[in-house]
């Protein structure tokens, strides 16, 4: 099923199923402020996406705009 007949929540859920970590980083609200997994003298410091709901960290409006552009470009 394509994106054209889905509501926004369904579109985001489908996008999440079809994409992985590198794609998530592109739409992360922390952008360049995030350093990914880092370490200090006490051990690893995980980025927010390791312990928080991803949807709260993603710019869903940007994802929806890209979905709309890609859908339009593909003629669906």
C-alpha atoms as a PDB file:
ATOM      1  CA  UNK A   1       0.000   0.000   0.000  1.00  0.00           C
ATOM      2  CA  UNK A   2       1.362   3.412  -0.971  1.00  0.00           C
ATOM      3  CA  UNK A   3       1.343   6.535   1.144  1.00  0.00           C
ATOM      4  CA  UNK A   4      -1.403   8.373  -0.748  1.00  0.00           C
ATOM      5  CA  UNK A   5      -4.402   6.946   1.131  1.00  0.00           C
ATOM      6  CA  UNK A   6      -2.913   7.009   4.621  1.00  0.00           C
ATOM      7  CA  UNK A   7      -3.387   9.550   7.382  1.00  0.00           C
ATOM      8  CA  UNK A   8      -0.288  11.256   8.791  1.00  0.00           C
ATOM      9  CA  UNK A   9       0.134   8.809  11.696  1.00  0.00           C
ATOM     10  CA  UNK A  10      -0.001   5.837   9.303  1.00  0.00           C
ATOM     11  CA  UNK A  11       2.530   7.521   7.014  1.00  0.00           C
ATOM     12  CA  UNK A  12       4.968   8.052   9.891  1.00  0.00           C
ATOM     13  CA  UNK A  13       4.533   4.451  11.081  1.00  0.00           C
ATOM     14  CA  UNK A  14       5.163   3.128   7.565  1.00  0.00           C
ATOM     15  CA  UNK A  15       8.215   5.376   7.201  1.00  0.00           C
ATOM     16  CA  UNK A  16       9.586   4.092  10.532  1.00  0.00           C
ATOM     17  CA  UNK A  17       9.132   0.489   9.354  1.00  0.00           C
ATOM     18  CA  UNK A  18      10.945   1.168   6.076  1.00  0.00           C
ATOM     19  CA  UNK A  19      13.911   3.171   7.432  1.00  0.00           C
ATOM     20  CA  UNK A  20      16.708   2.670   9.923  1.00  0.00           C
ATOM     21  CA  UNK A  21      19.110   4.559  12.197  1.00  0.00           C
ATOM     22  CA  UNK A  22      20.957   6.555   9.562  1.00  0.00           C
ATOM     23  CA  UNK A  23      17.656   7.820   8.179  1.00  0.00           C
ATOM     24  CA  UNK A  24      16.450   8.669  11.682  1.00  0.00           C
ATOM     25  CA  UNK A  25      19.517  10.853  12.237  1.00  0.00           C
ATOM     26  CA  UNK A  26      18.659  12.910   9.151  1.00  0.00           C
ATOM     27  CA  UNK A  27      15.340  13.913  10.736  1.00  0.00           C
ATOM     28  CA  UNK A  28      16.437  14.098  14.395  1.00  0.00           C
ATOM     29  CA  UNK A  29      15.417  17.270  16.222  1.00  0.00           C
ATOM     30  CA  UNK A  30      18.875  17.389  17.834  1.00  0.00           C
ATOM     31  CA  UNK A  31      20.557  17.631  14.428  1.00  0.00           C
ATOM     32  CA  UNK A  32      24.217  18.564  14.647  1.00  0.00           C
ATOM     33  CA  UNK A  33      24.079  18.825  18.442  1.00  0.00           C
ATOM     34  CA  UNK A  34      24.010  15.036  18.714  1.00  0.00           C
ATOM     35  CA  UNK A  35      27.370  13.327  18.779  1.00  0.00           C
ATOM     36  CA  UNK A  36      25.994   9.804  18.658  1.00  0.00           C
ATOM     37  CA  UNK A  37      27.417   7.292  21.093  1.00  0.00           C
ATOM     38  CA  UNK A  38      30.310   8.843  23.008  1.00  0.00           C
ATOM     39  CA  UNK A  39      32.425   7.789  25.972  1.00  0.00           C
ATOM     40  CA  UNK A  40      33.781   9.450  29.060  1.00  0.00           C
ATOM     41  CA  UNK A  41      35.690   8.173  32.091  1.00  0.00           C
ATOM     42  CA  UNK A  42      32.513   6.549  33.444  1.00  0.00           C
ATOM     43  CA  UNK A  43      31.694   4.665  30.241  1.00  0.00           C
ATOM     44  CA  UNK A  44      29.385   5.136  27.269  1.00  0.00           C
ATOM     45  CA  UNK A  45      27.065   8.103  26.896  1.00  0.00           C
ATOM     46  CA  UNK A  46      24.123   7.181  24.699  1.00  0.00           C
ATOM     47  CA  UNK A  47      22.334   9.650  22.434  1.00  0.00           C
ATOM     48  CA  UNK A  48      18.680  10.424  23.307  1.00  0.00           C
ATOM     49  CA  UNK A  49      17.350   8.009  20.674  1.00  0.00           C
ATOM     50  CA  UNK A  50      18.671   5.041  22.655  1.00  0.00           C
ATOM     51  CA  UNK A  51      16.292   5.605  25.548  1.00  0.00           C
ATOM     52  CA  UNK A  52      13.436   7.752  24.211  1.00  0.00           C
ATOM     53  CA  UNK A  53      10.483   7.187  21.896  1.00  0.00           C
ATOM     54  CA  UNK A  54      11.768   7.886  18.392  1.00  0.00           C
ATOM     55  CA  UNK A  55       8.666   9.747  17.286  1.00  0.00           C
ATOM     56  CA  UNK A  56       9.372  12.388  19.923  1.00  0.00           C
ATOM     57  CA  UNK A  57      12.856  12.904  18.490  1.00  0.00           C
ATOM     58  CA  UNK A  58      11.993  13.047  14.812  1.00  0.00           C
ATOM     59  CA  UNK A  59      10.854  16.072  12.847  1.00  0.00           C
ATOM     60  CA  UNK A  60       7.696  14.379  11.625  1.00  0.00           C
ATOM     61  CA  UNK A  61       6.619  17.441   9.621  1.00  0.00           C
ATOM     62  CA  UNK A  62       9.826  17.223   7.572  1.00  0.00           C
ATOM     63  CA  UNK A  63       9.280  13.488   7.064  1.00  0.00           C
ATOM     64  CA  UNK A  64       5.707  14.090   5.889  1.00  0.00           C
ATOM     65  CA  UNK A  65       6.849  16.837   3.514  1.00  0.00           C
ATOM     66  CA  UNK A  66       9.482  14.515   2.009  1.00  0.00           C
ATOM     67  CA  UNK A  67       6.925  11.719   1.694  1.00  0.00           C
ATOM     68  CA  UNK A  68       4.565  14.117  -0.134  1.00  0.00           C
ATOM     69  CA  UNK A  69       7.347  15.286  -2.468  1.00  0.00           C
ATOM     70  CA  UNK A  70       8.457  11.736  -3.242  1.00  0.00           C
ATOM     71  CA  UNK A  71       4.881  10.557  -3.765  1.00  0.00           C
ATOM     72  CA  UNK A  72       4.211  13.476  -6.118  1.00  0.00           C
ATOM     73  CA  UNK A  73       7.457  12.873  -7.999  1.00  0.00           C
ATOM     74  CA  UNK A  74       6.650   9.173  -8.416  1.00  0.00           C
ATOM     75  CA  UNK A  75       3.157   9.991  -9.691  1.00  0.00           C
ATOM     76  CA  UNK A  76       1.166   8.256  -6.957  1.00  0.00           C
END
